[in-house]
Amino acid sequence: LRLLPPGPLELALGIVLLAPGLAFTVWARVYLAG
């Protein structure tokens, strides 16, 4: 089941959630290494 209809809003929301999530993993790797 889809939560949102397909379209630009769905893509934008995906990027808005993905970018900070990936940035958090990079930050965590740098922080834990430090």
Full PDB file with SEQRES, HELIX, SHEET, SSBOND, CRYST1, ORIGX, SCALE, CONECT and MASTER records, all heavy atoms in Angstrom:
SEQRES   1 A   34  LEU ARG LEU LEU PRO PRO GLY PRO LEU GLU LEU ALA LEU          
SEQRES   2 A   34  GLY ILE VAL LEU LEU ALA PRO GLY LEU ALA PHE THR VAL          
SEQRES   3 A   34  TRP ALA ARG VAL TYR LEU ALA GLY                              
HELIX    1 AA1 PRO A    8  ALA A   33  1                                  26    
CRYST1    1.000    1.000    1.000  90.00  90.00  90.00 P 1           1          
ORIGX1      1.000000  0.000000  0.000000        0.00000                         
ORIGX2      0.000000  1.000000  0.000000        0.00000                         
ORIGX3      0.000000  0.000000  1.000000        0.00000                         
SCALE1      1.000000  0.000000  0.000000        0.00000                         
SCALE2      0.000000  1.000000  0.000000        0.00000                         
SCALE3      0.000000  0.000000  1.000000        0.00000                         
ATOM      1  N   LEU A   1       0.832  -1.199   0.000  1.00  0.00           N  
ATOM      2  CA  LEU A   1       0.000   0.000   0.000  1.00  0.00           C  
ATOM      3  C   LEU A   1       0.869   1.254   0.000  1.00  0.00           C  
ATOM      4  O   LEU A   1       1.885   1.323   0.668  1.00  0.00           O  
ATOM      5  CB  LEU A   1      -0.914   0.015   1.226  1.00  0.00           C  
ATOM      6  CG  LEU A   1      -1.982  -1.066   1.290  1.00  0.00           C  
ATOM      7  CD1 LEU A   1      -2.726  -0.979   2.621  1.00  0.00           C  
ATOM      8  CD2 LEU A   1      -2.955  -0.927   0.141  1.00  0.00           C  
ATOM      9  N   ARG A   2       0.437   2.247  -0.753  1.00  0.00           N  
ATOM     10  CA  ARG A   2       1.148   3.523  -0.809  1.00  0.00           C  
ATOM     11  C   ARG A   2       0.601   4.460   0.253  1.00  0.00           C  
ATOM     12  O   ARG A   2      -0.593   4.521   0.496  1.00  0.00           O  
ATOM     13  CB  ARG A   2       0.966   4.174  -2.171  1.00  0.00           C  
ATOM     14  CG  ARG A   2       1.729   3.510  -3.260  1.00  0.00           C  
ATOM     15  CD  ARG A   2       1.553   4.349  -4.543  1.00  0.00           C  
ATOM     16  NE  ARG A   2       2.527   3.976  -5.528  1.00  0.00           N  
ATOM     17  CZ  ARG A   2       3.750   4.482  -5.598  1.00  0.00           C  
ATOM     18  NH1 ARG A   2       4.146   5.387  -4.761  1.00  0.00           N  
ATOM     19  NH2 ARG A   2       4.576   4.084  -6.537  1.00  0.00           N  
ATOM     20  N   LEU A   3       1.510   5.199   0.870  1.00  0.00           N  
ATOM     21  CA  LEU A   3       1.083   6.225   1.823  1.00  0.00           C  
ATOM     22  C   LEU A   3       0.765   7.526   1.118  1.00  0.00           C  
ATOM     23  O   LEU A   3      -0.071   8.296   1.559  1.00  0.00           O  
ATOM     24  CB  LEU A   3       2.176   6.453   2.872  1.00  0.00           C  
ATOM     25  CG  LEU A   3       2.504   5.253   3.754  1.00  0.00           C  
ATOM     26  CD1 LEU A   3       3.681   5.568   4.655  1.00  0.00           C  
ATOM     27  CD2 LEU A   3       1.297   4.840   4.564  1.00  0.00           C  
ATOM     28  N   LEU A   4       1.472   7.784   0.027  1.00  0.00           N  
ATOM     29  CA  LEU A   4       1.269   8.989  -0.776  1.00  0.00           C  
ATOM     30  C   LEU A   4       1.053   8.585  -2.225  1.00  0.00           C  
ATOM     31  O   LEU A   4       1.609   7.591  -2.680  1.00  0.00           O  
ATOM     32  CB  LEU A   4       2.501   9.893  -0.707  1.00  0.00           C  
ATOM     33  CG  LEU A   4       2.856  10.487   0.638  1.00  0.00           C  
ATOM     34  CD1 LEU A   4       4.203  11.195   0.557  1.00  0.00           C  
ATOM     35  CD2 LEU A   4       1.787  11.468   1.074  1.00  0.00           C  
ATOM     36  N   PRO A   5       0.288   9.370  -2.961  1.00  0.00           N  
ATOM     37  CA  PRO A   5       0.158   9.078  -4.392  1.00  0.00           C  
ATOM     38  C   PRO A   5       1.492   9.346  -5.099  1.00  0.00           C  
ATOM     39  O   PRO A   5       2.263  10.210  -4.679  1.00  0.00           O  
ATOM     40  CB  PRO A   5      -0.920  10.055  -4.863  1.00  0.00           C  
ATOM     41  CG  PRO A   5      -0.949  11.133  -3.841  1.00  0.00           C  
ATOM     42  CD  PRO A   5      -0.486  10.525  -2.555  1.00  0.00           C  
ATOM     43  N   PRO A   6       1.789   8.582  -6.163  1.00  0.00           N  
ATOM     44  CA  PRO A   6       3.051   8.820  -6.863  1.00  0.00           C  
ATOM     45  C   PRO A   6       3.087  10.233  -7.457  1.00  0.00           C  
ATOM     46  O   PRO A   6       2.082  10.732  -7.942  1.00  0.00           O  
ATOM     47  CB  PRO A   6       3.073   7.760  -7.964  1.00  0.00           C  
ATOM     48  CG  PRO A   6       1.700   7.210  -8.041  1.00  0.00           C  
ATOM     49  CD  PRO A   6       0.992   7.533  -6.763  1.00  0.00           C  
ATOM     50  N   GLY A   7       4.251  10.844  -7.382  1.00  0.00           N  
ATOM     51  CA  GLY A   7       4.389  12.187  -7.927  1.00  0.00           C  
ATOM     52  C   GLY A   7       5.583  12.897  -7.337  1.00  0.00           C  
ATOM     53  O   GLY A   7       6.373  12.310  -6.590  1.00  0.00           O  
ATOM     54  N   PRO A   8       5.726  14.181  -7.626  1.00  0.00           N  
ATOM     55  CA  PRO A   8       6.891  14.933  -7.157  1.00  0.00           C  
ATOM     56  C   PRO A   8       6.941  15.079  -5.637  1.00  0.00           C  
ATOM     57  O   PRO A   8       8.010  15.119  -5.051  1.00  0.00           O  
ATOM     58  CB  PRO A   8       6.766  16.291  -7.835  1.00  0.00           C  
ATOM     59  CG  PRO A   8       5.392  16.375  -8.371  1.00  0.00           C  
ATOM     60  CD  PRO A   8       4.867  14.977  -8.496  1.00  0.00           C  
ATOM     61  N   LEU A   9       5.803  15.140  -4.973  1.00  0.00           N  
ATOM     62  CA  LEU A   9       5.803  15.263  -3.517  1.00  0.00           C  
ATOM     63  C   LEU A   9       6.399  14.009  -2.873  1.00  0.00           C  
ATOM     64  O   LEU A   9       7.178  14.102  -1.924  1.00  0.00           O  
ATOM     65  CB  LEU A   9       4.382  15.495  -2.994  1.00  0.00           C  
ATOM     66  CG  LEU A   9       4.245  15.571  -1.471  1.00  0.00           C  
ATOM     67  CD1 LEU A   9       5.051  16.747  -0.916  1.00  0.00           C  
ATOM     68  CD2 LEU A   9       2.793  15.681  -1.079  1.00  0.00           C  
ATOM     69  N   GLU A  10       6.059  12.863  -3.420  1.00  0.00           N  
ATOM     70  CA  GLU A  10       6.596  11.601  -2.900  1.00  0.00           C  
ATOM     71  C   GLU A  10       8.119  11.556  -3.049  1.00  0.00           C  
ATOM     72  O   GLU A  10       8.837  11.182  -2.118  1.00  0.00           O  
ATOM     73  CB  GLU A  10       5.954  10.432  -3.644  1.00  0.00           C  
ATOM     74  CG  GLU A  10       6.416   9.084  -3.168  1.00  0.00           C  
ATOM     75  CD  GLU A  10       5.831   7.962  -4.000  1.00  0.00           C  
ATOM     76  OE1 GLU A  10       5.760   8.099  -5.242  1.00  0.00           O  
ATOM     77  OE2 GLU A  10       5.471   6.945  -3.404  1.00  0.00           O  
ATOM     78  N   LEU A  11       8.621  11.956  -4.198  1.00  0.00           N  
ATOM     79  CA  LEU A  11      10.067  11.982  -4.439  1.00  0.00           C  
ATOM     80  C   LEU A  11      10.757  12.990  -3.520  1.00  0.00           C  
ATOM     81  O   LEU A  11      11.785  12.685  -2.910  1.00  0.00           O  
ATOM     82  CB  LEU A  11      10.365  12.316  -5.897  1.00  0.00           C  
ATOM     83  CG  LEU A  11      11.842  12.411  -6.273  1.00  0.00           C  
ATOM     84  CD1 LEU A  11      12.545  11.071  -6.045  1.00  0.00           C  
ATOM     85  CD2 LEU A  11      11.998  12.859  -7.709  1.00  0.00           C  
ATOM     86  N   ALA A  12      10.178  14.175  -3.391  1.00  0.00           N  
ATOM     87  CA  ALA A  12      10.771  15.204  -2.537  1.00  0.00           C  
ATOM     88  C   ALA A  12      10.813  14.747  -1.083  1.00  0.00           C  
ATOM     89  O   ALA A  12      11.824  14.922  -0.406  1.00  0.00           O  
ATOM     90  CB  ALA A  12       9.981  16.510  -2.661  1.00  0.00           C  
ATOM     91  N   LEU A  13       9.740  14.137  -0.600  1.00  0.00           N  
ATOM     92  CA  LEU A  13       9.714  13.652   0.774  1.00  0.00           C  
ATOM     93  C   LEU A  13      10.748  12.545   0.976  1.00  0.00           C  
ATOM     94  O   LEU A  13      11.425  12.490   2.002  1.00  0.00           O  
ATOM     95  CB  LEU A  13       8.321  13.146   1.138  1.00  0.00           C  
ATOM     96  CG  LEU A  13       8.134  12.682   2.569  1.00  0.00           C  
ATOM     97  CD1 LEU A  13       8.440  13.806   3.551  1.00  0.00           C  
ATOM     98  CD2 LEU A  13       6.715  12.172   2.774  1.00  0.00           C  
ATOM     99  N   GLY A  14      10.899  11.678  -0.026  1.00  0.00           N  
ATOM    100  CA  GLY A  14      11.908  10.626   0.055  1.00  0.00           C  
ATOM    101  C   GLY A  14      13.313  11.201   0.180  1.00  0.00           C  
ATOM    102  O   GLY A  14      14.117  10.738   0.994  1.00  0.00           O  
ATOM    103  N   ILE A  15      13.610  12.220  -0.600  1.00  0.00           N  
ATOM    104  CA  ILE A  15      14.935  12.850  -0.548  1.00  0.00           C  
ATOM    105  C   ILE A  15      15.120  13.584   0.778  1.00  0.00           C  
ATOM    106  O   ILE A  15      16.199  13.533   1.380  1.00  0.00           O  
ATOM    107  CB  ILE A  15      15.133  13.785  -1.758  1.00  0.00           C  
ATOM    108  CG1 ILE A  15      15.240  12.943  -3.029  1.00  0.00           C  
ATOM    109  CG2 ILE A  15      16.364  14.663  -1.584  1.00  0.00           C  
ATOM    110  CD1 ILE A  15      15.250  13.734  -4.309  1.00  0.00           C  
ATOM    111  N   VAL A  16      14.066  14.250   1.256  1.00  0.00           N  
ATOM    112  CA  VAL A  16      14.142  14.974   2.531  1.00  0.00           C  
ATOM    113  C   VAL A  16      14.411  14.006   3.681  1.00  0.00           C  
ATOM    114  O   VAL A  16      15.082  14.360   4.648  1.00  0.00           O  
ATOM    115  CB  VAL A  16      12.840  15.780   2.771  1.00  0.00           C  
ATOM    116  CG1 VAL A  16      12.691  16.214   4.210  1.00  0.00           C  
ATOM    117  CG2 VAL A  16      12.792  16.979   1.840  1.00  0.00           C  
ATOM    118  N   LEU A  17      13.908  12.790   3.608  1.00  0.00           N  
ATOM    119  CA  LEU A  17      14.173  11.795   4.651  1.00  0.00           C  
ATOM    120  C   LEU A  17      15.501  11.076   4.444  1.00  0.00           C  
ATOM    121  O   LEU A  17      16.201  10.759   5.399  1.00  0.00           O  
ATOM    122  CB  LEU A  17      13.031  10.772   4.702  1.00  0.00           C  
ATOM    123  CG  LEU A  17      11.682  11.304   5.169  1.00  0.00           C  
ATOM    124  CD1 LEU A  17      10.604  10.241   4.982  1.00  0.00           C  
ATOM    125  CD2 LEU A  17      11.748  11.759   6.605  1.00  0.00           C  
ATOM    126  N   LEU A  18      15.857  10.814   3.190  1.00  0.00           N  
ATOM    127  CA  LEU A  18      17.067  10.061   2.880  1.00  0.00           C  
ATOM    128  C   LEU A  18      18.339  10.862   3.176  1.00  0.00           C  
ATOM    129  O   LEU A  18      19.268  10.343   3.804  1.00  0.00           O  
ATOM    130  CB  LEU A  18      17.066   9.627   1.413  1.00  0.00           C  
ATOM    131  CG  LEU A  18      18.311   8.904   0.914  1.00  0.00           C  
ATOM    132  CD1 LEU A  18      18.491   7.582   1.649  1.00  0.00           C  
ATOM    133  CD2 LEU A  18      18.226   8.675  -0.589  1.00  0.00           C  
ATOM    134  N   ALA A  19      18.391  12.090   2.739  1.00  0.00           N  
ATOM    135  CA  ALA A  19      19.620  12.889   2.882  1.00  0.00           C  
ATOM    136  C   ALA A  19      20.059  13.030   4.342  1.00  0.00           C  
ATOM    137  O   ALA A  19      21.217  12.751   4.665  1.00  0.00           O  
ATOM    138  CB  ALA A  19      19.445  14.254   2.211  1.00  0.00           C  
ATOM    139  N   PRO A  20      19.187  13.428   5.258  1.00  0.00           N  
ATOM    140  CA  PRO A  20      19.639  13.510   6.656  1.00  0.00           C  
ATOM    141  C   PRO A  20      19.975  12.139   7.249  1.00  0.00           C  
ATOM    142  O   PRO A  20      20.860  12.026   8.094  1.00  0.00           O  
ATOM    143  CB  PRO A  20      18.462  14.145   7.402  1.00  0.00           C  
ATOM    144  CG  PRO A  20      17.546  14.656   6.381  1.00  0.00           C  
ATOM    145  CD  PRO A  20      17.852  13.979   5.098  1.00  0.00           C  
ATOM    146  N   GLY A  21      19.275  11.102   6.811  1.00  0.00           N  
ATOM    147  CA  GLY A  21      19.582   9.759   7.306  1.00  0.00           C  
ATOM    148  C   GLY A  21      20.973   9.315   6.915  1.00  0.00           C  
ATOM    149  O   GLY A  21      21.736   8.792   7.735  1.00  0.00           O  
ATOM    150  N   LEU A  22      21.339   9.533   5.669  1.00  0.00           N  
ATOM    151  CA  LEU A  22      22.679   9.180   5.214  1.00  0.00           C  
ATOM    152  C   LEU A  22      23.721  10.081   5.875  1.00  0.00           C  
ATOM    153  O   LEU A  22      24.801   9.619   6.253  1.00  0.00           O  
ATOM    154  CB  LEU A  22      22.774   9.280   3.688  1.00  0.00           C  
ATOM    155  CG  LEU A  22      21.932   8.265   2.910  1.00  0.00           C  
ATOM    156  CD1 LEU A  22      22.073   8.514   1.410  1.00  0.00           C  
ATOM    157  CD2 LEU A  22      22.281   6.845   3.266  1.00  0.00           C  
ATOM    158  N   ALA A  23      23.389  11.363   6.020  1.00  0.00           N  
ATOM    159  CA  ALA A  23      24.320  12.277   6.684  1.00  0.00           C  
ATOM    160  C   ALA A  23      24.551  11.847   8.134  1.00  0.00           C  
ATOM    161  O   ALA A  23      25.674  11.927   8.639  1.00  0.00           O  
ATOM    162  CB  ALA A  23      23.782  13.713   6.636  1.00  0.00           C  
ATOM    163  N   PHE A  24      23.515  11.348   8.803  1.00  0.00           N  
ATOM    164  CA  PHE A  24      23.657  10.873  10.178  1.00  0.00           C  
ATOM    165  C   PHE A  24      24.612   9.684  10.250  1.00  0.00           C  
ATOM    166  O   PHE A  24      25.435   9.602  11.159  1.00  0.00           O  
ATOM    167  CB  PHE A  24      22.290  10.489  10.748  1.00  0.00           C  
ATOM    168  CG  PHE A  24      22.373   9.941  12.142  1.00  0.00           C  
ATOM    169  CD1 PHE A  24      22.613  10.780  13.216  1.00  0.00           C  
ATOM    170  CD2 PHE A  24      22.224   8.585  12.376  1.00  0.00           C  
ATOM    171  CE1 PHE A  24      22.695  10.276  14.508  1.00  0.00           C  
ATOM    172  CE2 PHE A  24      22.307   8.067  13.653  1.00  0.00           C  
ATOM    173  CZ  PHE A  24      22.541   8.917  14.726  1.00  0.00           C  
ATOM    174  N   THR A  25      24.530   8.763   9.279  1.00  0.00           N  
ATOM    175  CA  THR A  25      25.439   7.610   9.304  1.00  0.00           C  
ATOM    176  C   THR A  25      26.881   8.054   9.103  1.00  0.00           C  
ATOM    177  O   THR A  25      27.790   7.501   9.719  1.00  0.00           O  
ATOM    178  CB  THR A  25      25.068   6.562   8.245  1.00  0.00           C  
ATOM    179  OG1 THR A  25      25.256   7.099   6.928  1.00  0.00           O  
ATOM    180  CG2 THR A  25      23.644   6.074   8.409  1.00  0.00           C  
ATOM    181  N   VAL A  26      27.093   9.047   8.252  1.00  0.00           N  
ATOM    182  CA  VAL A  26      28.450   9.562   8.032  1.00  0.00           C  
ATOM    183  C   VAL A  26      28.940  10.247   9.302  1.00  0.00           C  
ATOM    184  O   VAL A  26      30.075  10.029   9.744  1.00  0.00           O  
ATOM    185  CB  VAL A  26      28.486  10.532   6.828  1.00  0.00           C  
ATOM    186  CG1 VAL A  26      29.811  11.259   6.745  1.00  0.00           C  
ATOM    187  CG2 VAL A  26      28.189   9.772   5.532  1.00  0.00           C  
ATOM    188  N   TRP A  27      28.096  11.084   9.921  1.00  0.00           N  
ATOM    189  CA  TRP A  27      28.476  11.746  11.162  1.00  0.00           C  
ATOM    190  C   TRP A  27      28.817  10.722  12.240  1.00  0.00           C  
ATOM    191  O   TRP A  27      29.809  10.860  12.949  1.00  0.00           O  
ATOM    192  CB  TRP A  27      27.342  12.654  11.638  1.00  0.00           C  
ATOM    193  CG  TRP A  27      27.578  13.187  13.010  1.00  0.00           C  
ATOM    194  CD1 TRP A  27      28.314  14.285  13.349  1.00  0.00           C  
ATOM    195  CD2 TRP A  27      27.120  12.626  14.239  1.00  0.00           C  
ATOM    196  NE1 TRP A  27      28.321  14.446  14.715  1.00  0.00           N  
ATOM    197  CE2 TRP A  27      27.595  13.436  15.297  1.00  0.00           C  
ATOM    198  CE3 TRP A  27      26.342  11.512  14.554  1.00  0.00           C  
ATOM    199  CZ2 TRP A  27      27.313  13.169  16.625  1.00  0.00           C  
ATOM    200  CZ3 TRP A  27      26.070  11.247  15.880  1.00  0.00           C  
ATOM    201  CH2 TRP A  27      26.555  12.067  16.898  1.00  0.00           C  
ATOM    202  N   ALA A  28      27.998   9.676  12.363  1.00  0.00           N  
ATOM    203  CA  ALA A  28      28.231   8.657  13.388  1.00  0.00           C  
ATOM    204  C   ALA A  28      29.554   7.945  13.153  1.00  0.00           C  
ATOM    205  O   ALA A  28      30.299   7.678  14.096  1.00  0.00           O  
ATOM    206  CB  ALA A  28      27.081   7.655  13.404  1.00  0.00           C  
ATOM    207  N   ARG A  29      29.859   7.655  11.902  1.00  0.00           N  
ATOM    208  CA  ARG A  29      31.126   6.976  11.614  1.00  0.00           C  
ATOM    209  C   ARG A  29      32.305   7.872  11.970  1.00  0.00           C  
ATOM    210  O   ARG A  29      33.281   7.421  12.552  1.00  0.00           O  
ATOM    211  CB  ARG A  29      31.186   6.571  10.147  1.00  0.00           C  
ATOM    212  CG  ARG A  29      32.411   5.775   9.827  1.00  0.00           C  
ATOM    213  CD  ARG A  29      32.330   5.133   8.468  1.00  0.00           C  
ATOM    214  NE  ARG A  29      33.334   4.085   8.409  1.00  0.00           N  
ATOM    215  CZ  ARG A  29      33.179   2.962   7.779  1.00  0.00           C  
ATOM    216  NH1 ARG A  29      32.064   2.707   7.154  1.00  0.00           N  
ATOM    217  NH2 ARG A  29      34.128   2.067   7.767  1.00  0.00           N  
ATOM    218  N   VAL A  30      32.233   9.134  11.634  1.00  0.00           N  
ATOM    219  CA  VAL A  30      33.312  10.071  11.955  1.00  0.00           C  
ATOM    220  C   VAL A  30      33.402  10.259  13.458  1.00  0.00           C  
ATOM    221  O   VAL A  30      34.500  10.232  14.030  1.00  0.00           O  
ATOM    222  CB  VAL A  30      33.072  11.440  11.249  1.00  0.00           C  
ATOM    223  CG1 VAL A  30      34.019  12.495  11.757  1.00  0.00           C  
ATOM    224  CG2 VAL A  30      33.189  11.268   9.747  1.00  0.00           C  
ATOM    225  N   TYR A  31      32.285  10.413  14.148  1.00  0.00           N  
ATOM    226  CA  TYR A  31      32.287  10.617  15.599  1.00  0.00           C  
ATOM    227  C   TYR A  31      32.824   9.396  16.319  1.00  0.00           C  
ATOM    228  O   TYR A  31      33.661   9.513  17.219  1.00  0.00           O  
ATOM    229  CB  TYR A  31      30.859  10.941  16.075  1.00  0.00           C  
ATOM    230  CG  TYR A  31      30.777  11.056  17.576  1.00  0.00           C  
ATOM    231  CD1 TYR A  31      31.221  12.212  18.218  1.00  0.00           C  
ATOM    232  CD2 TYR A  31      30.268  10.023  18.338  1.00  0.00           C  
ATOM    233  CE1 TYR A  31      31.158  12.333  19.597  1.00  0.00           C  
ATOM    234  CE2 TYR A  31      30.209  10.128  19.733  1.00  0.00           C  
ATOM    235  CZ  TYR A  31      30.651  11.278  20.343  1.00  0.00           C  
ATOM    236  OH  TYR A  31      30.592  11.382  21.696  1.00  0.00           O  
ATOM    237  N   LEU A  32      32.349   8.207  15.962  1.00  0.00           N  
ATOM    238  CA  LEU A  32      32.817   7.003  16.632  1.00  0.00           C  
ATOM    239  C   LEU A  32      34.287   6.741  16.362  1.00  0.00           C  
ATOM    240  O   LEU A  32      35.007   6.254  17.227  1.00  0.00           O  
ATOM    241  CB  LEU A  32      31.972   5.791  16.226  1.00  0.00           C  
ATOM    242  CG  LEU A  32      30.536   5.813  16.732  1.00  0.00           C  
ATOM    243  CD1 LEU A  32      29.750   4.661  16.143  1.00  0.00           C  
ATOM    244  CD2 LEU A  32      30.477   5.802  18.237  1.00  0.00           C  
ATOM    245  N   ALA A  33      34.743   7.090  15.169  1.00  0.00           N  
ATOM    246  CA  ALA A  33      36.175   6.917  14.858  1.00  0.00           C  
ATOM    247  C   ALA A  33      37.006   7.884  15.690  1.00  0.00           C  
ATOM    248  O   ALA A  33      38.104   7.548  16.119  1.00  0.00           O  
ATOM    249  CB  ALA A  33      36.426   7.145  13.374  1.00  0.00           C  
ATOM    250  N   GLY A  34      36.477   9.051  15.968  1.00  0.00           N  
ATOM    251  CA  GLY A  34      37.205  10.045  16.739  1.00  0.00           C  
ATOM    252  C   GLY A  34      37.252   9.763  18.224  1.00  0.00           C  
ATOM    253  O   GLY A  34      38.120  10.244  18.937  1.00  0.00           O  
TER     254      GLY A  34                                                      
MASTER        0    0    0    1    0    0    0    6  253    1    0    3          
END                                                                             
